[in-house]
């Protein structure tokens, strides 16, 4: 099941890129036109914001990553392969200025 989540979330990230600039439609269909399953919408972006970064905006450190604009350390185990050249980071900016933990994190293979 965990592998299926990774694959579907990766397809979701590709759908976001190919559907730009209309991110709202990307939450309904994948790049190939198939509907995004409700549980994938909930898991990656149901309560979070998507942040598209370049590989140059993340820094690899022992055990994980730091991403520009994100205040927390991202453990390596959360990284999933991106289907394009962008880094996709899903989290919530909270009203008190803090940020939630990472919901989904995609990085291009071999980027860092």
C-alpha atoms as a PDB file:
ATOM      1  CA  UNK A   1       0.000   0.000   0.000  1.00  0.00           C
ATOM      2  CA  UNK A   2       2.827   2.426   0.854  1.00  0.00           C
ATOM      3  CA  UNK A   3       4.354   1.875  -2.610  1.00  0.00           C
ATOM      4  CA  UNK A   4       0.975   2.621  -4.194  1.00  0.00           C
ATOM      5  CA  UNK A   5       0.751   5.891  -2.256  1.00  0.00           C
ATOM      6  CA  UNK A   6       4.199   6.893  -3.527  1.00  0.00           C
ATOM      7  CA  UNK A   7       3.305   6.120  -7.117  1.00  0.00           C
ATOM      8  CA  UNK A   8      -0.019   7.924  -7.068  1.00  0.00           C
ATOM      9  CA  UNK A   9       1.437  10.943  -5.291  1.00  0.00           C
ATOM     10  CA  UNK A  10       4.199  11.055  -7.916  1.00  0.00           C
ATOM     11  CA  UNK A  11       1.546  11.040 -10.644  1.00  0.00           C
ATOM     12  CA  UNK A  12      -0.267  13.811  -8.808  1.00  0.00           C
ATOM     13  CA  UNK A  13       2.873  15.947  -8.837  1.00  0.00           C
ATOM     14  CA  UNK A  14       3.237  15.401 -12.578  1.00  0.00           C
ATOM     15  CA  UNK A  15      -0.407  16.331 -13.006  1.00  0.00           C
ATOM     16  CA  UNK A  16       0.220  19.566 -11.149  1.00  0.00           C
ATOM     17  CA  UNK A  17       2.987  20.542 -13.549  1.00  0.00           C
ATOM     18  CA  UNK A  18       1.169  19.586 -16.715  1.00  0.00           C
ATOM     19  CA  UNK A  19      -2.014  21.307 -15.615  1.00  0.00           C
ATOM     20  CA  UNK A  20      -0.333  24.623 -14.736  1.00  0.00           C
ATOM     21  CA  UNK A  21      -1.321  27.370 -14.344  1.00  0.00           C
ATOM     22  CA  UNK A  22      -4.684  25.946 -13.279  1.00  0.00           C
ATOM     23  CA  UNK A  23      -3.726  24.065 -10.122  1.00  0.00           C
ATOM     24  CA  UNK A  24      -7.385  23.601  -9.202  1.00  0.00           C
ATOM     25  CA  UNK A  25      -7.927  21.240 -12.136  1.00  0.00           C
ATOM     26  CA  UNK A  26      -4.805  19.292 -11.166  1.00  0.00           C
ATOM     27  CA  UNK A  27      -6.543  18.308  -7.960  1.00  0.00           C
ATOM     28  CA  UNK A  28      -9.245  16.562  -9.959  1.00  0.00           C
ATOM     29  CA  UNK A  29      -7.383  14.724 -12.729  1.00  0.00           C
ATOM     30  CA  UNK A  30      -3.915  13.313 -13.308  1.00  0.00           C
ATOM     31  CA  UNK A  31      -1.785  14.253 -16.313  1.00  0.00           C
ATOM     32  CA  UNK A  32      -3.233  11.336 -18.287  1.00  0.00           C
ATOM     33  CA  UNK A  33      -6.805  12.505 -17.598  1.00  0.00           C
ATOM     34  CA  UNK A  34      -7.680   9.856 -15.016  1.00  0.00           C
ATOM     35  CA  UNK A  35      -9.357  11.096 -11.837  1.00  0.00           C
ATOM     36  CA  UNK A  36      -7.178  11.653  -8.781  1.00  0.00           C
ATOM     37  CA  UNK A  37      -8.451   9.226  -6.126  1.00  0.00           C
ATOM     38  CA  UNK A  38     -10.044  10.955  -3.150  1.00  0.00           C
ATOM     39  CA  UNK A  39      -7.600   9.370  -0.693  1.00  0.00           C
ATOM     40  CA  UNK A  40      -4.630  10.748  -2.691  1.00  0.00           C
ATOM     41  CA  UNK A  41      -6.122  14.232  -2.652  1.00  0.00           C
ATOM     42  CA  UNK A  42      -6.557  13.915   1.092  1.00  0.00           C
ATOM     43  CA  UNK A  43      -3.126  12.381   1.722  1.00  0.00           C
ATOM     44  CA  UNK A  44      -1.020  14.903  -0.209  1.00  0.00           C
ATOM     45  CA  UNK A  45      -3.024  18.051  -0.656  1.00  0.00           C
ATOM     46  CA  UNK A  46      -6.350  17.756   1.102  1.00  0.00           C
ATOM     47  CA  UNK A  47      -5.259  19.930   3.994  1.00  0.00           C
ATOM     48  CA  UNK A  48      -1.897  21.174   2.767  1.00  0.00           C
ATOM     49  CA  UNK A  49      -0.450  23.632   0.310  1.00  0.00           C
ATOM     50  CA  UNK A  50       1.753  22.585  -2.554  1.00  0.00           C
ATOM     51  CA  UNK A  51       5.073  24.380  -2.872  1.00  0.00           C
ATOM     52  CA  UNK A  52       6.977  23.959  -6.136  1.00  0.00           C
ATOM     53  CA  UNK A  53      10.729  24.427  -5.795  1.00  0.00           C
ATOM     54  CA  UNK A  54      13.765  23.863  -7.981  1.00  0.00           C
ATOM     55  CA  UNK A  55      16.473  21.386  -7.048  1.00  0.00           C
ATOM     56  CA  UNK A  56      18.666  24.400  -6.235  1.00  0.00           C
ATOM     57  CA  UNK A  57      16.254  25.380  -3.472  1.00  0.00           C
ATOM     58  CA  UNK A  58      16.847  22.239  -1.428  1.00  0.00           C
ATOM     59  CA  UNK A  59      19.990  21.292   0.421  1.00  0.00           C
ATOM     60  CA  UNK A  60      20.993  17.701   1.101  1.00  0.00           C
ATOM     61  CA  UNK A  61      22.429  17.041   4.551  1.00  0.00           C
ATOM     62  CA  UNK A  62      23.169  13.853   6.432  1.00  0.00           C
ATOM     63  CA  UNK A  63      19.876  12.039   6.937  1.00  0.00           C
ATOM     64  CA  UNK A  64      17.661  14.356   4.910  1.00  0.00           C
ATOM     65  CA  UNK A  65      17.044  17.778   3.435  1.00  0.00           C
ATOM     66  CA  UNK A  66      16.365  21.426   4.108  1.00  0.00           C
ATOM     67  CA  UNK A  67      14.098  23.290   1.674  1.00  0.00           C
ATOM     68  CA  UNK A  68      14.016  27.015   1.061  1.00  0.00           C
ATOM     69  CA  UNK A  69      10.995  28.499   2.814  1.00  0.00           C
ATOM     70  CA  UNK A  70      10.388  25.465   5.003  1.00  0.00           C
ATOM     71  CA  UNK A  71      11.447  25.799   8.643  1.00  0.00           C
ATOM     72  CA  UNK A  72      11.876  22.134   9.496  1.00  0.00           C
ATOM     73  CA  UNK A  73      14.311  19.346   8.686  1.00  0.00           C
ATOM     74  CA  UNK A  74      12.894  16.838   6.155  1.00  0.00           C
ATOM     75  CA  UNK A  75      13.986  13.250   6.886  1.00  0.00           C
ATOM     76  CA  UNK A  76      15.336  11.313   3.911  1.00  0.00           C
ATOM     77  CA  UNK A  77      12.699   8.609   4.380  1.00  0.00           C
ATOM     78  CA  UNK A  78       9.984  11.080   3.295  1.00  0.00           C
ATOM     79  CA  UNK A  79      11.531  11.767  -0.136  1.00  0.00           C
ATOM     80  CA  UNK A  80       9.713  10.237  -3.081  1.00  0.00           C
ATOM     81  CA  UNK A  81      10.765  10.502  -6.741  1.00  0.00           C
ATOM     82  CA  UNK A  82       9.404  13.473  -8.682  1.00  0.00           C
ATOM     83  CA  UNK A  83       8.187  12.809 -12.187  1.00  0.00           C
ATOM     84  CA  UNK A  84       9.621  16.105 -13.469  1.00  0.00           C
ATOM     85  CA  UNK A  85      12.487  18.519 -12.753  1.00  0.00           C
ATOM     86  CA  UNK A  86      10.800  20.166  -9.788  1.00  0.00           C
ATOM     87  CA  UNK A  87      10.720  19.585  -6.068  1.00  0.00           C
ATOM     88  CA  UNK A  88       7.172  19.327  -4.730  1.00  0.00           C
ATOM     89  CA  UNK A  89       6.714  19.951  -1.010  1.00  0.00           C
ATOM     90  CA  UNK A  90       3.284  19.695   0.635  1.00  0.00           C
ATOM     91  CA  UNK A  91       2.773  21.287   4.062  1.00  0.00           C
ATOM     92  CA  UNK A  92       0.558  23.842   5.805  1.00  0.00           C
ATOM     93  CA  UNK A  93       1.532  27.371   6.843  1.00  0.00           C
ATOM     94  CA  UNK A  94      -0.241  27.776  10.180  1.00  0.00           C
ATOM     95  CA  UNK A  95      -1.847  31.023  11.445  1.00  0.00           C
ATOM     96  CA  UNK A  96       0.768  31.421  14.196  1.00  0.00           C
ATOM     97  CA  UNK A  97       3.599  31.494  11.620  1.00  0.00           C
ATOM     98  CA  UNK A  98       4.710  27.915  12.204  1.00  0.00           C
ATOM     99  CA  UNK A  99       4.488  25.133   9.645  1.00  0.00           C
ATOM    100  CA  UNK A 100       3.084  21.634   9.756  1.00  0.00           C
ATOM    101  CA  UNK A 101       5.153  18.569   9.163  1.00  0.00           C
ATOM    102  CA  UNK A 102       5.691  17.433   5.578  1.00  0.00           C
ATOM    103  CA  UNK A 103       2.649  15.781   4.008  1.00  0.00           C
ATOM    104  CA  UNK A 104       4.361  14.747   0.740  1.00  0.00           C
ATOM    105  CA  UNK A 105       7.855  15.479  -0.604  1.00  0.00           C
ATOM    106  CA  UNK A 106       8.968  14.721  -4.163  1.00  0.00           C
ATOM    107  CA  UNK A 107      12.462  15.330  -5.514  1.00  0.00           C
ATOM    108  CA  UNK A 108      13.921  14.712  -8.979  1.00  0.00           C
ATOM    109  CA  UNK A 109      16.113  11.616  -9.160  1.00  0.00           C
ATOM    110  CA  UNK A 110      19.800  12.516  -8.914  1.00  0.00           C
ATOM    111  CA  UNK A 111      19.042  16.184  -8.219  1.00  0.00           C
ATOM    112  CA  UNK A 112      20.979  16.411  -4.961  1.00  0.00           C
END
